[in-house]
Amino acid sequence: MKRVKRTQTYLDDLNAIEAHITVQDSPQAAADLWLHIDGQVDLLADPNHPRRKGLVVPDAIELVAHPNYLVILDEDETTVAVLNVLHVKRKHPR
């Protein structure tokens, strides 16, 4: 099993998504999405949990945590660093 380290940027991204969805939809939908994405991140402790080479961020590793959200990762033999959460429809620098 690997250690999963959440960065402050990841947590800030996730909280911003939650705040946006709270306004656009509902607090419950926002909390459910927050828990879903972070629950997918928990599964990264298993080195066999699916992730892919970066398509949005080419030198990174990506987790498709939700159909609309990617989690950007950096990984070594013992640790998964969770860097960002990105909405798939937003334009991101490459």
PDB file of N, CA and C in Angstrom:
ATOM      1  N   MET A   1       0.836  -1.186   0.000  1.00  0.00           N
ATOM      2  CA  MET A   1       0.000   0.000   0.000  1.00  0.00           C
ATOM      3  C   MET A   1       0.884   1.255   0.000  1.00  0.00           C
ATOM      4  N   LYS A   2       0.410   2.269  -0.695  1.00  0.00           N
ATOM      5  CA  LYS A   2       1.140   3.537  -0.760  1.00  0.00           C
ATOM      6  C   LYS A   2       0.516   4.553   0.197  1.00  0.00           C
ATOM      7  N   ARG A   3       1.324   5.508   0.578  1.00  0.00           N
ATOM      8  CA  ARG A   3       0.841   6.633   1.385  1.00  0.00           C
ATOM      9  C   ARG A   3       0.222   7.655   0.434  1.00  0.00           C
ATOM     10  N   VAL A   4      -0.963   8.140   0.752  1.00  0.00           N
ATOM     11  CA  VAL A   4      -1.637   9.157  -0.053  1.00  0.00           C
ATOM     12  C   VAL A   4      -1.500  10.487   0.671  1.00  0.00           C
ATOM     13  N   LYS A   5      -0.852  11.448   0.006  1.00  0.00           N
ATOM     14  CA  LYS A   5      -0.613  12.769   0.598  1.00  0.00           C
ATOM     15  C   LYS A   5      -1.403  13.818  -0.179  1.00  0.00           C
ATOM     16  N   ARG A   6      -2.371  14.407   0.469  1.00  0.00           N
ATOM     17  CA  ARG A   6      -3.186  15.455  -0.138  1.00  0.00           C
ATOM     18  C   ARG A   6      -2.489  16.802   0.051  1.00  0.00           C
ATOM     19  N   THR A   7      -2.267  17.517  -1.046  1.00  0.00           N
ATOM     20  CA  THR A   7      -1.649  18.843  -0.944  1.00  0.00           C
ATOM     21  C   THR A   7      -2.713  19.887  -0.604  1.00  0.00           C
ATOM     22  N   GLN A   8      -2.260  21.033  -0.125  1.00  0.00           N
ATOM     23  CA  GLN A   8      -3.196  22.121   0.173  1.00  0.00           C
ATOM     24  C   GLN A   8      -3.896  22.592  -1.095  1.00  0.00           C
ATOM     25  N   THR A   9      -3.203  22.569  -2.223  1.00  0.00           N
ATOM     26  CA  THR A   9      -3.820  22.980  -3.488  1.00  0.00           C
ATOM     27  C   THR A   9      -4.977  22.059  -3.846  1.00  0.00           C
ATOM     28  N   TYR A  10      -4.784  20.752  -3.674  1.00  0.00           N
ATOM     29  CA  TYR A  10      -5.871  19.792  -3.914  1.00  0.00           C
ATOM     30  C   TYR A  10      -7.068  20.119  -3.024  1.00  0.00           C
ATOM     31  N   LEU A  11      -6.813  20.309  -1.731  1.00  0.00           N
ATOM     32  CA  LEU A  11      -7.903  20.603  -0.796  1.00  0.00           C
ATOM     33  C   LEU A  11      -8.592  21.922  -1.142  1.00  0.00           C
ATOM     34  N   ASP A  12      -7.814  22.930  -1.542  1.00  0.00           N
ATOM     35  CA  ASP A  12      -8.396  24.210  -1.960  1.00  0.00           C
ATOM     36  C   ASP A  12      -9.279  24.028  -3.198  1.00  0.00           C
ATOM     37  N   ASP A  13      -8.792  23.252  -4.175  1.00  0.00           N
ATOM     38  CA  ASP A  13      -9.584  22.979  -5.380  1.00  0.00           C
ATOM     39  C   ASP A  13     -10.895  22.285  -5.019  1.00  0.00           C
ATOM     40  N   LEU A  14     -10.801  21.264  -4.184  1.00  0.00           N
ATOM     41  CA  LEU A  14     -11.983  20.498  -3.802  1.00  0.00           C
ATOM     42  C   LEU A  14     -12.982  21.377  -3.048  1.00  0.00           C
ATOM     43  N   ASN A  15     -12.489  22.220  -2.169  1.00  0.00           N
ATOM     44  CA  ASN A  15     -13.375  23.129  -1.434  1.00  0.00           C
ATOM     45  C   ASN A  15     -14.013  24.170  -2.352  1.00  0.00           C
ATOM     46  N   ALA A  16     -13.278  24.636  -3.354  1.00  0.00           N
ATOM     47  CA  ALA A  16     -13.837  25.593  -4.318  1.00  0.00           C
ATOM     48  C   ALA A  16     -14.940  24.941  -5.155  1.00  0.00           C
ATOM     49  N   ILE A  17     -14.729  23.693  -5.542  1.00  0.00           N
ATOM     50  CA  ILE A  17     -15.757  22.951  -6.281  1.00  0.00           C
ATOM     51  C   ILE A  17     -17.002  22.800  -5.410  1.00  0.00           C
ATOM     52  N   GLU A  18     -16.787  22.443  -4.161  1.00  0.00           N
ATOM     53  CA  GLU A  18     -17.916  22.288  -3.237  1.00  0.00           C
ATOM     54  C   GLU A  18     -18.685  23.609  -3.093  1.00  0.00           C
ATOM     55  N   ALA A  19     -17.979  24.714  -2.943  1.00  0.00           N
ATOM     56  CA  ALA A  19     -18.635  26.018  -2.798  1.00  0.00           C
ATOM     57  C   ALA A  19     -19.442  26.366  -4.048  1.00  0.00           C
ATOM     58  N   HIS A  20     -18.869  26.103  -5.218  1.00  0.00           N
ATOM     59  CA  HIS A  20     -19.556  26.398  -6.479  1.00  0.00           C
ATOM     60  C   HIS A  20     -20.833  25.568  -6.607  1.00  0.00           C
ATOM     61  N   ILE A  21     -20.749  24.283  -6.324  1.00  0.00           N
ATOM     62  CA  ILE A  21     -21.914  23.406  -6.462  1.00  0.00           C
ATOM     63  C   ILE A  21     -22.961  23.718  -5.395  1.00  0.00           C
ATOM     64  N   THR A  22     -22.532  24.156  -4.228  1.00  0.00           N
ATOM     65  CA  THR A  22     -23.483  24.562  -3.192  1.00  0.00           C
ATOM     66  C   THR A  22     -24.378  25.681  -3.712  1.00  0.00           C
ATOM     67  N   VAL A  23     -23.784  26.640  -4.422  1.00  0.00           N
ATOM     68  CA  VAL A  23     -24.544  27.770  -4.964  1.00  0.00           C
ATOM     69  C   VAL A  23     -25.367  27.340  -6.181  1.00  0.00           C
ATOM     70  N   GLN A  24     -24.773  26.546  -7.074  1.00  0.00           N
ATOM     71  CA  GLN A  24     -25.423  26.176  -8.325  1.00  0.00           C
ATOM     72  C   GLN A  24     -26.489  25.096  -8.164  1.00  0.00           C
ATOM     73  N   ASP A  25     -26.313  24.209  -7.189  1.00  0.00           N
ATOM     74  CA  ASP A  25     -27.206  23.059  -7.050  1.00  0.00           C
ATOM     75  C   ASP A  25     -27.740  22.995  -5.625  1.00  0.00           C
ATOM     76  N   SER A  26     -26.992  22.344  -4.749  1.00  0.00           N
ATOM     77  CA  SER A  26     -27.433  22.243  -3.352  1.00  0.00           C
ATOM     78  C   SER A  26     -26.255  21.877  -2.465  1.00  0.00           C
ATOM     79  N   PRO A  27     -26.337  22.216  -1.192  1.00  0.00           N
ATOM     80  CA  PRO A  27     -25.271  21.824  -0.267  1.00  0.00           C
ATOM     81  C   PRO A  27     -25.094  20.306  -0.199  1.00  0.00           C
ATOM     82  N   GLN A  28     -26.186  19.564  -0.278  1.00  0.00           N
ATOM     83  CA  GLN A  28     -26.081  18.103  -0.207  1.00  0.00           C
ATOM     84  C   GLN A  28     -25.363  17.542  -1.430  1.00  0.00           C
ATOM     85  N   ALA A  29     -25.706  18.041  -2.619  1.00  0.00           N
ATOM     86  CA  ALA A  29     -25.021  17.591  -3.838  1.00  0.00           C
ATOM     87  C   ALA A  29     -23.537  17.923  -3.766  1.00  0.00           C
ATOM     88  N   ALA A  30     -23.222  19.100  -3.246  1.00  0.00           N
ATOM     89  CA  ALA A  30     -21.822  19.517  -3.117  1.00  0.00           C
ATOM     90  C   ALA A  30     -21.066  18.609  -2.158  1.00  0.00           C
ATOM     91  N   ALA A  31     -21.662  18.318  -1.013  1.00  0.00           N
ATOM     92  CA  ALA A  31     -21.009  17.445  -0.029  1.00  0.00           C
ATOM     93  C   ALA A  31     -20.845  16.036  -0.583  1.00  0.00           C
ATOM     94  N   ASP A  32     -21.860  15.545  -1.294  1.00  0.00           N
ATOM     95  CA  ASP A  32     -21.776  14.202  -1.884  1.00  0.00           C
ATOM     96  C   ASP A  32     -20.632  14.118  -2.892  1.00  0.00           C
ATOM     97  N   LEU A  33     -20.493  15.152  -3.733  1.00  0.00           N
ATOM     98  CA  LEU A  33     -19.412  15.150  -4.720  1.00  0.00           C
ATOM     99  C   LEU A  33     -18.057  15.221  -4.036  1.00  0.00           C
ATOM    100  N   TRP A  34     -17.915  16.075  -3.019  1.00  0.00           N
ATOM    101  CA  TRP A  34     -16.663  16.194  -2.261  1.00  0.00           C
ATOM    102  C   TRP A  34     -16.264  14.829  -1.709  1.00  0.00           C
ATOM    103  N   LEU A  35     -17.224  14.152  -1.076  1.00  0.00           N
ATOM    104  CA  LEU A  35     -16.942  12.836  -0.490  1.00  0.00           C
ATOM    105  C   LEU A  35     -16.617  11.800  -1.560  1.00  0.00           C
ATOM    106  N   HIS A  36     -17.302  11.874  -2.697  1.00  0.00           N
ATOM    107  CA  HIS A  36     -17.043  10.922  -3.783  1.00  0.00           C
ATOM    108  C   HIS A  36     -15.620  11.085  -4.324  1.00  0.00           C
ATOM    109  N   ILE A  37     -15.244  12.319  -4.645  1.00  0.00           N
ATOM    110  CA  ILE A  37     -13.905  12.561  -5.194  1.00  0.00           C
ATOM    111  C   ILE A  37     -12.841  12.160  -4.183  1.00  0.00           C
ATOM    112  N   ASP A  38     -12.989  12.587  -2.943  1.00  0.00           N
ATOM    113  CA  ASP A  38     -11.976  12.261  -1.941  1.00  0.00           C
ATOM    114  C   ASP A  38     -11.959  10.764  -1.628  1.00  0.00           C
ATOM    115  N   GLY A  39     -13.097  10.115  -1.730  1.00  0.00           N
ATOM    116  CA  GLY A  39     -13.135   8.663  -1.559  1.00  0.00           C
ATOM    117  C   GLY A  39     -12.361   7.943  -2.655  1.00  0.00           C
ATOM    118  N   GLN A  40     -12.450   8.453  -3.886  1.00  0.00           N
ATOM    119  CA  GLN A  40     -11.655   7.890  -4.978  1.00  0.00           C
ATOM    120  C   GLN A  40     -10.164   8.082  -4.711  1.00  0.00           C
ATOM    121  N   VAL A  41      -9.809   9.225  -4.148  1.00  0.00           N
ATOM    122  CA  VAL A  41      -8.410   9.498  -3.799  1.00  0.00           C
ATOM    123  C   VAL A  41      -7.926   8.500  -2.751  1.00  0.00           C
ATOM    124  N   ASP A  42      -8.755   8.180  -1.765  1.00  0.00           N
ATOM    125  CA  ASP A  42      -8.376   7.182  -0.757  1.00  0.00           C
ATOM    126  C   ASP A  42      -7.964   5.862  -1.396  1.00  0.00           C
ATOM    127  N   LEU A  43      -8.634   5.490  -2.477  1.00  0.00           N
ATOM    128  CA  LEU A  43      -8.361   4.211  -3.136  1.00  0.00           C
ATOM    129  C   LEU A  43      -6.993   4.166  -3.804  1.00  0.00           C
ATOM    130  N   LEU A  44      -6.353   5.325  -3.978  1.00  0.00           N
ATOM    131  CA  LEU A  44      -5.027   5.370  -4.603  1.00  0.00           C
ATOM    132  C   LEU A  44      -3.944   4.727  -3.743  1.00  0.00           C
ATOM    133  N   ALA A  45      -4.233   4.446  -2.480  1.00  0.00           N
ATOM    134  CA  ALA A  45      -3.268   3.731  -1.640  1.00  0.00           C
ATOM    135  C   ALA A  45      -2.966   2.360  -2.236  1.00  0.00           C
ATOM    136  N   ASP A  46      -3.924   1.803  -2.955  1.00  0.00           N
ATOM    137  CA  ASP A  46      -3.732   0.529  -3.650  1.00  0.00           C
ATOM    138  C   ASP A  46      -3.045   0.823  -4.980  1.00  0.00           C
ATOM    139  N   PRO A  47      -1.811   0.332  -5.167  1.00  0.00           N
ATOM    140  CA  PRO A  47      -1.095   0.638  -6.417  1.00  0.00           C
ATOM    141  C   PRO A  47      -1.790   0.101  -7.668  1.00  0.00           C
ATOM    142  N   ASN A  48      -2.749  -0.813  -7.492  1.00  0.00           N
ATOM    143  CA  ASN A  48      -3.473  -1.370  -8.634  1.00  0.00           C
ATOM    144  C   ASN A  48      -4.753  -0.609  -8.964  1.00  0.00           C
ATOM    145  N   HIS A  49      -5.098   0.396  -8.149  1.00  0.00           N
ATOM    146  CA  HIS A  49      -6.294   1.188  -8.459  1.00  0.00           C
ATOM    147  C   HIS A  49      -6.029   1.963  -9.751  1.00  0.00           C
ATOM    148  N   PRO A  50      -6.986   1.961 -10.686  1.00  0.00           N
ATOM    149  CA  PRO A  50      -6.742   2.577 -11.996  1.00  0.00           C
ATOM    150  C   PRO A  50      -6.392   4.061 -11.932  1.00  0.00           C
ATOM    151  N   ARG A  51      -5.388   4.408 -12.702  1.00  0.00           N
ATOM    152  CA  ARG A  51      -4.990   5.784 -12.979  1.00  0.00           C
ATOM    153  C   ARG A  51      -4.368   5.754 -14.370  1.00  0.00           C
ATOM    154  N   ARG A  52      -4.166   6.908 -14.961  1.00  0.00           N
ATOM    155  CA  ARG A  52      -3.644   6.930 -16.333  1.00  0.00           C
ATOM    156  C   ARG A  52      -2.559   7.982 -16.464  1.00  0.00           C
ATOM    157  N   LYS A  53      -1.761   7.822 -17.515  1.00  0.00           N
ATOM    158  CA  LYS A  53      -0.785   8.858 -17.851  1.00  0.00           C
ATOM    159  C   LYS A  53      -1.553  10.094 -18.273  1.00  0.00           C
ATOM    160  N   GLY A  54      -0.959  11.239 -17.991  1.00  0.00           N
ATOM    161  CA  GLY A  54      -1.658  12.501 -18.201  1.00  0.00           C
ATOM    162  C   GLY A  54      -2.079  12.765 -19.629  1.00  0.00           C
ATOM    163  N   LEU A  55      -3.343  13.051 -19.806  1.00  0.00           N
ATOM    164  CA  LEU A  55      -3.867  13.528 -21.082  1.00  0.00           C
ATOM    165  C   LEU A  55      -4.076  15.037 -21.028  1.00  0.00           C
ATOM    166  N   VAL A  56      -4.519  15.533 -19.884  1.00  0.00           N
ATOM    167  CA  VAL A  56      -4.732  16.970 -19.704  1.00  0.00           C
ATOM    168  C   VAL A  56      -3.431  17.639 -19.285  1.00  0.00           C
ATOM    169  N   VAL A  57      -2.715  17.014 -18.366  1.00  0.00           N
ATOM    170  CA  VAL A  57      -1.406  17.495 -17.906  1.00  0.00           C
ATOM    171  C   VAL A  57      -0.402  16.404 -18.302  1.00  0.00           C
ATOM    172  N   PRO A  58       0.299  16.578 -19.420  1.00  0.00           N
ATOM    173  CA  PRO A  58       1.065  15.493 -20.030  1.00  0.00           C
ATOM    174  C   PRO A  58       2.077  14.770 -19.147  1.00  0.00           C
ATOM    175  N   ASP A  59       2.779  15.450 -18.267  1.00  0.00           N
ATOM    176  CA  ASP A  59       3.801  14.774 -17.471  1.00  0.00           C
ATOM    177  C   ASP A  59       3.277  14.262 -16.133  1.00  0.00           C
ATOM    178  N   ALA A  60       1.989  14.331 -15.938  1.00  0.00           N
ATOM    179  CA  ALA A  60       1.397  13.927 -14.660  1.00  0.00           C
ATOM    180  C   ALA A  60       0.696  12.581 -14.806  1.00  0.00           C
ATOM    181  N   ILE A  61       0.145  12.145 -13.710  1.00  0.00           N
ATOM    182  CA  ILE A  61      -0.716  10.972 -13.666  1.00  0.00           C
ATOM    183  C   ILE A  61      -2.095  11.485 -13.292  1.00  0.00           C
ATOM    184  N   GLU A  62      -3.124  10.908 -13.899  1.00  0.00           N
ATOM    185  CA  GLU A  62      -4.484  11.374 -13.664  1.00  0.00           C
ATOM    186  C   GLU A  62      -5.361  10.253 -13.123  1.00  0.00           C
ATOM    187  N   LEU A  63      -6.267  10.634 -12.257  1.00  0.00           N
ATOM    188  CA  LEU A  63      -7.320   9.755 -11.766  1.00  0.00           C
ATOM    189  C   LEU A  63      -8.638  10.344 -12.244  1.00  0.00           C
ATOM    190  N   VAL A  64      -9.432   9.547 -12.943  1.00  0.00           N
ATOM    191  CA  VAL A  64     -10.771   9.984 -13.316  1.00  0.00           C
ATOM    192  C   VAL A  64     -11.653   9.677 -12.106  1.00  0.00           C
ATOM    193  N   ALA A  65     -11.824  10.685 -11.252  1.00  0.00           N
ATOM    194  CA  ALA A  65     -12.534  10.499  -9.986  1.00  0.00           C
ATOM    195  C   ALA A  65     -14.044  10.605 -10.157  1.00  0.00           C
ATOM    196  N   HIS A  66     -14.465  11.219 -11.249  1.00  0.00           N
ATOM    197  CA  HIS A  66     -15.876  11.483 -11.541  1.00  0.00           C
ATOM    198  C   HIS A  66     -15.912  11.809 -13.030  1.00  0.00           C
ATOM    199  N   PRO A  67     -17.012  11.556 -13.719  1.00  0.00           N
ATOM    200  CA  PRO A  67     -17.038  11.873 -15.155  1.00  0.00           C
ATOM    201  C   PRO A  67     -16.655  13.317 -15.487  1.00  0.00           C
ATOM    202  N   ASN A  68     -16.866  14.246 -14.554  1.00  0.00           N
ATOM    203  CA  ASN A  68     -16.544  15.649 -14.808  1.00  0.00           C
ATOM    204  C   ASN A  68     -15.255  16.129 -14.158  1.00  0.00           C
ATOM    205  N   TYR A  69     -14.593  15.292 -13.363  1.00  0.00           N
ATOM    206  CA  TYR A  69     -13.433  15.761 -12.597  1.00  0.00           C
ATOM    207  C   TYR A  69     -12.263  14.792 -12.672  1.00  0.00           C
ATOM    208  N   LEU A  70     -11.090  15.380 -12.941  1.00  0.00           N
ATOM    209  CA  LEU A  70      -9.826  14.646 -12.909  1.00  0.00           C
ATOM    210  C   LEU A  70      -9.031  15.093 -11.698  1.00  0.00           C
ATOM    211  N   VAL A  71      -8.344  14.148 -11.090  1.00  0.00           N
ATOM    212  CA  VAL A  71      -7.417  14.462 -10.008  1.00  0.00           C
ATOM    213  C   VAL A  71      -6.016  14.270 -10.568  1.00  0.00           C
ATOM    214  N   ILE A  72      -5.175  15.280 -10.422  1.00  0.00           N
ATOM    215  CA  ILE A  72      -3.806  15.250 -10.934  1.00  0.00           C
ATOM    216  C   ILE A  72      -2.885  14.774  -9.817  1.00  0.00           C
ATOM    217  N   LEU A  73      -2.018  13.819 -10.164  1.00  0.00           N
ATOM    218  CA  LEU A  73      -1.179  13.135  -9.183  1.00  0.00           C
ATOM    219  C   LEU A  73       0.285  13.173  -9.578  1.00  0.00           C
ATOM    220  N   ASP A  74       1.124  12.983  -8.583  1.00  0.00           N
ATOM    221  CA  ASP A  74       2.536  12.672  -8.777  1.00  0.00           C
ATOM    222  C   ASP A  74       2.778  11.459  -7.891  1.00  0.00           C
ATOM    223  N   GLU A  75       3.581  10.532  -8.362  1.00  0.00           N
ATOM    224  CA  GLU A  75       3.685   9.260  -7.659  1.00  0.00           C
ATOM    225  C   GLU A  75       5.107   8.734  -7.704  1.00  0.00           C
ATOM    226  N   ASP A  76       5.531   8.138  -6.602  1.00  0.00           N
ATOM    227  CA  ASP A  76       6.793   7.405  -6.590  1.00  0.00           C
ATOM    228  C   ASP A  76       6.521   6.028  -5.990  1.00  0.00           C
ATOM    229  N   GLU A  77       7.555   5.326  -5.596  1.00  0.00           N
ATOM    230  CA  GLU A  77       7.396   3.950  -5.110  1.00  0.00           C
ATOM    231  C   GLU A  77       6.552   3.838  -3.846  1.00  0.00           C
ATOM    232  N   THR A  78       6.553   4.871  -3.005  1.00  0.00           N
ATOM    233  CA  THR A  78       5.887   4.765  -1.705  1.00  0.00           C
ATOM    234  C   THR A  78       4.738   5.737  -1.490  1.00  0.00           C
ATOM    235  N   THR A  79       4.671   6.807  -2.297  1.00  0.00           N
ATOM    236  CA  THR A  79       3.733   7.890  -2.012  1.00  0.00           C
ATOM    237  C   THR A  79       3.002   8.343  -3.271  1.00  0.00           C
ATOM    238  N   VAL A  80       1.724   8.656  -3.103  1.00  0.00           N
ATOM    239  CA  VAL A  80       0.939   9.324  -4.137  1.00  0.00           C
ATOM    240  C   VAL A  80       0.662  10.735  -3.625  1.00  0.00           C
ATOM    241  N   ALA A  81       1.175  11.738  -4.323  1.00  0.00           N
ATOM    242  CA  ALA A  81       0.898  13.135  -3.981  1.00  0.00           C
ATOM    243  C   ALA A  81      -0.293  13.585  -4.818  1.00  0.00           C
ATOM    244  N   VAL A  82      -1.330  14.042  -4.149  1.00  0.00           N
ATOM    245  CA  VAL A  82      -2.558  14.481  -4.806  1.00  0.00           C
ATOM    246  C   VAL A  82      -2.452  15.995  -4.976  1.00  0.00           C
ATOM    247  N   LEU A  83      -2.337  16.445  -6.230  1.00  0.00           N
ATOM    248  CA  LEU A  83      -1.960  17.826  -6.517  1.00  0.00           C
ATOM    249  C   LEU A  83      -3.122  18.772  -6.780  1.00  0.00           C
ATOM    250  N   ASN A  84      -4.052  18.368  -7.635  1.00  0.00           N
ATOM    251  CA  ASN A  84      -5.131  19.261  -8.076  1.00  0.00           C
ATOM    252  C   ASN A  84      -6.378  18.459  -8.413  1.00  0.00           C
ATOM    253  N   VAL A  85      -7.499  19.168  -8.485  1.00  0.00           N
ATOM    254  CA  VAL A  85      -8.732  18.635  -9.068  1.00  0.00           C
ATOM    255  C   VAL A  85      -9.107  19.578 -10.201  1.00  0.00           C
ATOM    256  N   LEU A  86      -9.359  19.025 -11.376  1.00  0.00           N
ATOM    257  CA  LEU A  86      -9.694  19.833 -12.548  1.00  0.00           C
ATOM    258  C   LEU A  86     -11.030  19.397 -13.129  1.00  0.00           C
ATOM    259  N   HIS A  87     -11.830  20.363 -13.568  1.00  0.00           N
ATOM    260  CA  HIS A  87     -13.055  20.046 -14.299  1.00  0.00           C
ATOM    261  C   HIS A  87     -12.649  19.719 -15.731  1.00  0.00           C
ATOM    262  N   VAL A  88     -13.189  18.659 -16.285  1.00  0.00           N
ATOM    263  CA  VAL A  88     -12.742  18.201 -17.604  1.00  0.00           C
ATOM    264  C   VAL A  88     -13.091  19.164 -18.733  1.00  0.00           C
ATOM    265  N   LYS A  89     -14.088  20.015 -18.561  1.00  0.00           N
ATOM    266  CA  LYS A  89     -14.492  20.922 -19.641  1.00  0.00           C
ATOM    267  C   LYS A  89     -13.768  22.256 -19.623  1.00  0.00           C
ATOM    268  N   ARG A  90     -12.998  22.515 -18.567  1.00  0.00           N
ATOM    269  CA  ARG A  90     -12.239  23.771 -18.513  1.00  0.00           C
ATOM    270  C   ARG A  90     -10.978  23.648 -19.343  1.00  0.00           C
ATOM    271  N   LYS A  91     -10.533  24.744 -19.888  1.00  0.00           N
ATOM    272  CA  LYS A  91      -9.255  24.768 -20.608  1.00  0.00           C
ATOM    273  C   LYS A  91      -8.136  24.874 -19.580  1.00  0.00           C
ATOM    274  N   HIS A  92      -7.150  24.014 -19.702  1.00  0.00           N
ATOM    275  CA  HIS A  92      -6.031  24.000 -18.764  1.00  0.00           C
ATOM    276  C   HIS A  92      -4.733  24.156 -19.541  1.00  0.00           C
ATOM    277  N   PRO A  93      -3.779  24.879 -18.997  1.00  0.00           N
ATOM    278  CA  PRO A  93      -2.487  25.022 -19.684  1.00  0.00           C
ATOM    279  C   PRO A  93      -1.776  23.685 -19.767  1.00  0.00           C
ATOM    280  N   ARG A  94      -1.075  23.480 -20.872  1.00  0.00           N
ATOM    281  CA  ARG A  94      -0.337  22.221 -21.042  1.00  0.00           C
ATOM    282  C   ARG A  94       1.121  22.452 -20.831  1.00  0.00           C
TER     283      ARG A  94
END
